Amino acid sequence: MPVNLGSLDRLIRLVAGVVLVIVPFIPGLVLAPVLQWGLPVIGVVLIATAFLRFCPIYRVLGLSTNKAR
């Protein structure tokens, strides 16, 4: 797997992923069941891509935010 995520992209994905995983557990916040399960799944995917430094969608589109490329 080639690296195609830069540092800023990784940081944004990591922060957004953590937020999406935590949001359904905030007391008093009523979410539809689809969002209650869907947001954490999307969050885990964002966290995984941040740690792997690889985004399959970027690969398909031929994009890269990695400056060392």
Protein backbone atom coordinates (compact mmCIF):
# COMPACT_ATOMS: atom_id res chain seq x y z
CA MET A 1 0.00 0.00 0.00
CA PRO A 2 1.54 3.30 -1.01
CA VAL A 3 1.25 6.19 1.41
CA ASN A 4 -1.15 8.82 0.05
CA LEU A 5 -2.13 10.83 3.15
CA GLY A 6 -0.21 13.84 4.38
CA SER A 7 0.17 14.93 8.00
CA LEU A 8 -2.64 17.49 8.02
CA ASP A 9 -5.03 15.07 6.28
CA ARG A 10 -4.18 12.38 8.85
CA LEU A 11 -4.76 14.76 11.77
CA ILE A 12 -8.12 15.90 10.40
CA ARG A 13 -9.22 12.29 9.84
CA LEU A 14 -8.13 11.27 13.32
CA VAL A 15 -9.96 14.13 15.06
CA ALA A 16 -13.10 13.71 12.94
CA GLY A 17 -13.04 9.94 13.51
CA VAL A 18 -12.80 10.28 17.28
CA VAL A 19 -15.63 12.83 17.31
CA LEU A 20 -17.86 10.56 15.20
CA VAL A 21 -17.20 7.60 17.48
CA ILE A 22 -18.00 9.63 20.63
CA VAL A 23 -21.10 11.56 19.45
CA PRO A 24 -23.63 8.71 19.84
CA PHE A 25 -22.61 8.30 23.50
CA ILE A 26 -23.34 11.90 24.51
CA PRO A 27 -26.23 11.84 27.01
CA GLY A 28 -29.34 13.68 25.92
CA LEU A 29 -28.42 13.62 22.25
CA VAL A 30 -31.15 11.73 20.44
CA LEU A 31 -30.05 10.25 17.13
CA ALA A 32 -31.84 8.08 14.62
CA PRO A 33 -30.78 4.42 14.88
CA VAL A 34 -29.02 4.65 11.52
CA LEU A 35 -26.87 7.53 12.78
CA GLN A 36 -26.32 5.86 16.13
CA TRP A 37 -24.63 2.93 14.37
CA GLY A 38 -23.42 4.64 11.21
CA LEU A 39 -21.42 7.48 12.76
CA PRO A 40 -19.12 5.20 14.79
CA VAL A 41 -18.55 2.98 11.75
CA ILE A 42 -17.51 5.97 9.65
CA GLY A 43 -15.38 7.20 12.55
CA VAL A 44 -13.53 3.88 12.80
CA VAL A 45 -12.86 3.94 9.06
CA LEU A 46 -11.44 7.47 9.32
CA ILE A 47 -9.24 6.47 12.27
CA ALA A 48 -8.01 3.38 10.43
CA THR A 49 -7.10 5.33 7.30
CA ALA A 50 -5.29 7.91 9.43
CA PHE A 51 -3.16 5.22 11.07
CA LEU A 52 -2.54 3.31 7.84
CA ARG A 53 -1.72 6.55 5.96
CA PHE A 54 -3.67 5.15 3.02
CA CYS A 55 -7.06 6.08 1.59
CA PRO A 56 -8.51 3.70 -1.01
CA ILE A 57 -10.76 6.42 -2.41
CA TYR A 58 -7.74 8.68 -2.99
CA ARG A 59 -6.06 5.78 -4.78
CA VAL A 60 -9.02 5.28 -7.14
CA LEU A 61 -9.19 9.01 -7.88
CA GLY A 62 -5.42 9.33 -8.26
CA LEU A 63 -5.14 11.85 -5.42
CA SER A 64 -2.47 12.24 -2.76
CA THR A 65 -1.90 14.74 0.04
CA ASN A 66 1.50 13.25 0.86
CA LYS A 67 4.19 15.78 -0.09
CA ALA A 68 6.98 13.19 0.02
CA ARG A 69 5.51 11.50 -3.04
